[in-house]
Each structure stands twice: as C-alpha cells, then as structure tokens.
Amino acid sequence: QTEIKYAILMLDSDGSGVIELKEFQTWWGSADRWEKLFLDEQALRQRTAAANVFRRFDPTGSGNIKNCDFMELHQTLKEF
C-alpha cells in the first residue's frame, strides 16, 4: 500500500491529486519507469517517517500545513 501511494505521488508530477494522461505518458516513456517506483527498505522507512512528521503538522488531514509551521517541519526533517 505504501509503495502504491508513493507511485501515485511520483506520477502526479504537478501535485494535483490526479494522474493526467500527459504525466502517465511521460512516465511510461521513460526507460527507467519501474525503477523510479520502488524504494529500498531504508528509503521506504525514511519516507514513512517523513510522512508521519508531516501529519503532526497537519492535524486536520487536509494535506496542507501553515507557512508558519514549515520552518519547524523543515528543522525536524533535517534530523533524519
């Protein structure tokens, strides 16, 4: 499930929440399209931890954080 969410994020290059035909075609046309979608265990753990930190700053689950919270989020993520 985590790999699927990551794959969607990778394909959705403009962050719209929708994989558009142009985004899919760009991904499909790349020679390393499958390698881009899979993470090793360490990278998967890091991204999961980063997503968990982000959620702490997004208590409503909207997918957005306040600009004033970004500095603290950034500092926390630098510790990874």
N, C-alpha and C. Protein backbone atom coordinates (compact mmCIF):
# COMPACT_ATOMS: atom_id res chain seq x y z
N GLN A 1 0.82 -1.19 0.00
CA GLN A 1 0.00 0.00 0.00
C GLN A 1 0.87 1.26 0.00
N THR A 2 1.94 1.28 0.79
CA THR A 2 2.82 2.43 0.83
C THR A 2 3.48 2.64 -0.52
N GLU A 3 3.89 1.55 -1.18
CA GLU A 3 4.51 1.68 -2.50
C GLU A 3 3.53 2.24 -3.52
N ILE A 4 2.27 1.87 -3.42
CA ILE A 4 1.25 2.39 -4.34
C ILE A 4 1.08 3.89 -4.14
N LYS A 5 1.00 4.32 -2.88
CA LYS A 5 0.86 5.76 -2.60
C LYS A 5 2.08 6.51 -3.14
N TYR A 6 3.26 5.95 -2.94
CA TYR A 6 4.47 6.58 -3.44
C TYR A 6 4.45 6.64 -4.97
N ALA A 7 4.03 5.57 -5.61
CA ALA A 7 3.97 5.54 -7.07
C ALA A 7 3.03 6.64 -7.58
N ILE A 8 1.90 6.81 -6.93
CA ILE A 8 0.96 7.85 -7.34
C ILE A 8 1.60 9.22 -7.19
N LEU A 9 2.30 9.45 -6.09
CA LEU A 9 2.98 10.72 -5.89
C LEU A 9 4.04 10.96 -6.97
N MET A 10 4.75 9.91 -7.35
CA MET A 10 5.78 10.06 -8.38
C MET A 10 5.18 10.39 -9.74
N LEU A 11 4.08 9.77 -10.08
CA LEU A 11 3.46 10.02 -11.37
C LEU A 11 2.75 11.37 -11.42
N ASP A 12 2.17 11.78 -10.33
CA ASP A 12 1.43 13.04 -10.26
C ASP A 12 2.41 14.20 -10.12
N SER A 13 3.11 14.51 -11.20
CA SER A 13 4.22 15.47 -11.13
C SER A 13 3.79 16.89 -10.79
N ASP A 14 2.55 17.27 -11.09
CA ASP A 14 2.12 18.63 -10.76
C ASP A 14 1.41 18.71 -9.41
N GLY A 15 1.28 17.58 -8.72
CA GLY A 15 0.70 17.57 -7.38
C GLY A 15 -0.79 17.85 -7.34
N SER A 16 -1.48 17.63 -8.43
CA SER A 16 -2.91 17.94 -8.50
C SER A 16 -3.79 16.89 -7.81
N GLY A 17 -3.21 15.73 -7.50
CA GLY A 17 -4.00 14.65 -6.92
C GLY A 17 -4.62 13.75 -7.97
N VAL A 18 -4.32 14.03 -9.23
CA VAL A 18 -4.85 13.27 -10.36
C VAL A 18 -3.68 12.94 -11.29
N ILE A 19 -3.60 11.71 -11.75
CA ILE A 19 -2.59 11.36 -12.75
C ILE A 19 -3.20 11.65 -14.11
N GLU A 20 -2.68 12.66 -14.75
CA GLU A 20 -3.18 13.08 -16.05
C GLU A 20 -2.50 12.28 -17.15
N LEU A 21 -3.12 12.23 -18.30
CA LEU A 21 -2.59 11.46 -19.42
C LEU A 21 -1.16 11.87 -19.73
N LYS A 22 -0.88 13.16 -19.77
CA LYS A 22 0.48 13.64 -20.08
C LYS A 22 1.48 13.12 -19.05
N GLU A 23 1.11 13.13 -17.78
CA GLU A 23 2.00 12.62 -16.73
C GLU A 23 2.25 11.13 -16.92
N PHE A 24 1.20 10.40 -17.22
CA PHE A 24 1.34 8.96 -17.44
C PHE A 24 2.23 8.69 -18.65
N GLN A 25 2.01 9.41 -19.73
CA GLN A 25 2.80 9.21 -20.94
C GLN A 25 4.27 9.52 -20.69
N THR A 26 4.55 10.56 -19.93
CA THR A 26 5.94 10.90 -19.61
C THR A 26 6.59 9.77 -18.82
N TRP A 27 5.87 9.27 -17.81
CA TRP A 27 6.39 8.17 -17.01
C TRP A 27 6.57 6.92 -17.87
N TRP A 28 5.56 6.58 -18.65
CA TRP A 28 5.60 5.36 -19.45
C TRP A 28 6.72 5.42 -20.48
N GLY A 29 7.04 6.59 -20.99
CA GLY A 29 8.08 6.74 -22.00
C GLY A 29 9.50 6.73 -21.45
N SER A 30 9.64 6.76 -20.14
CA SER A 30 10.99 6.75 -19.57
C SER A 30 11.52 5.32 -19.47
N ALA A 31 12.79 5.17 -19.79
CA ALA A 31 13.39 3.83 -19.80
C ALA A 31 13.46 3.21 -18.41
N ASP A 32 13.57 4.05 -17.39
CA ASP A 32 13.70 3.53 -16.03
C ASP A 32 12.41 3.67 -15.23
N ARG A 33 11.28 3.62 -15.92
CA ARG A 33 9.98 3.88 -15.27
C ARG A 33 9.73 2.97 -14.06
N TRP A 34 10.10 1.72 -14.11
CA TRP A 34 9.81 0.82 -12.99
C TRP A 34 10.74 1.06 -11.83
N GLU A 35 12.00 1.38 -12.12
CA GLU A 35 12.96 1.62 -11.05
C GLU A 35 12.57 2.83 -10.22
N LYS A 36 11.95 3.82 -10.84
CA LYS A 36 11.55 5.04 -10.13
C LYS A 36 10.46 4.77 -9.10
N LEU A 37 9.72 3.70 -9.27
CA LEU A 37 8.56 3.45 -8.42
C LEU A 37 8.87 2.65 -7.17
N PHE A 38 10.00 2.00 -7.12
CA PHE A 38 10.28 1.12 -5.99
C PHE A 38 11.38 1.70 -5.11
N LEU A 39 11.22 1.53 -3.83
CA LEU A 39 12.18 2.03 -2.86
C LEU A 39 12.83 0.88 -2.13
N ASP A 40 14.07 1.08 -1.72
CA ASP A 40 14.66 0.07 -0.86
C ASP A 40 14.09 0.28 0.56
N GLU A 41 14.38 -0.62 1.45
CA GLU A 41 13.78 -0.58 2.79
C GLU A 41 14.12 0.71 3.54
N GLN A 42 15.36 1.15 3.43
CA GLN A 42 15.77 2.36 4.14
C GLN A 42 15.02 3.59 3.61
N ALA A 43 14.93 3.72 2.29
CA ALA A 43 14.22 4.85 1.70
C ALA A 43 12.74 4.81 2.06
N LEU A 44 12.17 3.62 2.08
CA LEU A 44 10.76 3.48 2.45
C LEU A 44 10.54 3.90 3.90
N ARG A 45 11.44 3.49 4.79
CA ARG A 45 11.34 3.89 6.21
C ARG A 45 11.47 5.40 6.36
N GLN A 46 12.40 6.01 5.62
CA GLN A 46 12.59 7.45 5.71
C GLN A 46 11.37 8.21 5.22
N ARG A 47 10.80 7.78 4.13
CA ARG A 47 9.62 8.47 3.60
C ARG A 47 8.41 8.28 4.51
N THR A 48 8.29 7.11 5.09
CA THR A 48 7.19 6.86 6.02
C THR A 48 7.35 7.75 7.25
N ALA A 49 8.57 7.84 7.76
CA ALA A 49 8.82 8.71 8.92
C ALA A 49 8.56 10.16 8.58
N ALA A 50 8.98 10.61 7.41
CA ALA A 50 8.74 11.99 6.99
C ALA A 50 7.25 12.27 6.85
N ALA A 51 6.51 11.32 6.31
CA ALA A 51 5.06 11.50 6.18
C ALA A 51 4.41 11.58 7.55
N ASN A 52 4.90 10.80 8.50
CA ASN A 52 4.35 10.85 9.86
C ASN A 52 4.63 12.19 10.51
N VAL A 53 5.82 12.74 10.28
CA VAL A 53 6.14 14.07 10.81
C VAL A 53 5.22 15.11 10.18
N PHE A 54 5.03 15.02 8.87
CA PHE A 54 4.14 15.97 8.19
C PHE A 54 2.75 15.93 8.80
N ARG A 55 2.27 14.74 9.07
CA ARG A 55 0.92 14.60 9.64
C ARG A 55 0.80 15.28 11.01
N ARG A 56 1.88 15.34 11.76
CA ARG A 56 1.85 16.05 13.04
C ARG A 56 1.55 17.52 12.84
N PHE A 57 1.99 18.08 11.71
CA PHE A 57 1.75 19.49 11.41
C PHE A 57 0.46 19.71 10.62
N ASP A 58 -0.21 18.64 10.30
CA ASP A 58 -1.46 18.69 9.53
C ASP A 58 -2.54 17.94 10.30
N PRO A 59 -2.97 18.48 11.45
CA PRO A 59 -3.90 17.74 12.31
C PRO A 59 -5.27 17.47 11.68
N THR A 60 -5.66 18.26 10.70
CA THR A 60 -6.96 18.05 10.05
C THR A 60 -6.89 17.04 8.92
N GLY A 61 -5.66 16.67 8.52
CA GLY A 61 -5.50 15.71 7.42
C GLY A 61 -5.82 16.30 6.06
N SER A 62 -5.71 17.62 5.93
CA SER A 62 -6.05 18.28 4.67
C SER A 62 -4.96 18.13 3.60
N GLY A 63 -3.75 17.73 4.03
CA GLY A 63 -2.65 17.66 3.08
C GLY A 63 -1.91 18.97 2.96
N ASN A 64 -2.26 19.92 3.82
CA ASN A 64 -1.64 21.24 3.81
C ASN A 64 -1.13 21.58 5.20
N ILE A 65 -0.06 22.37 5.24
CA ILE A 65 0.41 22.88 6.52
C ILE A 65 0.53 24.40 6.39
N LYS A 66 0.50 25.05 7.52
CA LYS A 66 0.62 26.51 7.54
C LYS A 66 2.07 26.89 7.26
N ASN A 67 2.23 28.02 6.57
CA ASN A 67 3.58 28.51 6.28
C ASN A 67 4.38 28.68 7.55
N CYS A 68 3.74 29.15 8.61
CA CYS A 68 4.46 29.39 9.85
C CYS A 68 4.95 28.09 10.48
N ASP A 69 4.36 26.95 10.14
CA ASP A 69 4.79 25.66 10.67
C ASP A 69 5.89 25.02 9.84
N PHE A 70 6.11 25.54 8.64
CA PHE A 70 7.06 24.90 7.75
C PHE A 70 8.48 24.91 8.31
N MET A 71 8.88 26.01 8.93
CA MET A 71 10.24 26.09 9.45
C MET A 71 10.50 24.98 10.47
N GLU A 72 9.55 24.75 11.37
CA GLU A 72 9.71 23.68 12.36
C GLU A 72 9.70 22.31 11.69
N LEU A 73 8.81 22.13 10.71
CA LEU A 73 8.77 20.87 9.96
C LEU A 73 10.11 20.63 9.28
N HIS A 74 10.63 21.65 8.62
CA HIS A 74 11.90 21.54 7.91
C HIS A 74 13.02 21.15 8.87
N GLN A 75 13.07 21.81 10.02
CA GLN A 75 14.11 21.50 11.01
C GLN A 75 13.99 20.06 11.49
N THR A 76 12.78 19.61 11.73
CA THR A 76 12.56 18.23 12.18
C THR A 76 13.01 17.23 11.12
N LEU A 77 12.70 17.51 9.87
CA LEU A 77 13.07 16.59 8.78
C LEU A 77 14.58 16.57 8.54
N LYS A 78 15.26 17.66 8.81
CA LYS A 78 16.72 17.69 8.64
C LYS A 78 17.41 16.70 9.57
N GLU A 79 16.75 16.34 10.65
CA GLU A 79 17.34 15.42 11.61
C GLU A 79 17.34 13.96 11.11
N PHE A 80 16.64 13.70 10.04
CA PHE A 80 16.57 12.34 9.51
C PHE A 80 17.87 12.06 8.85
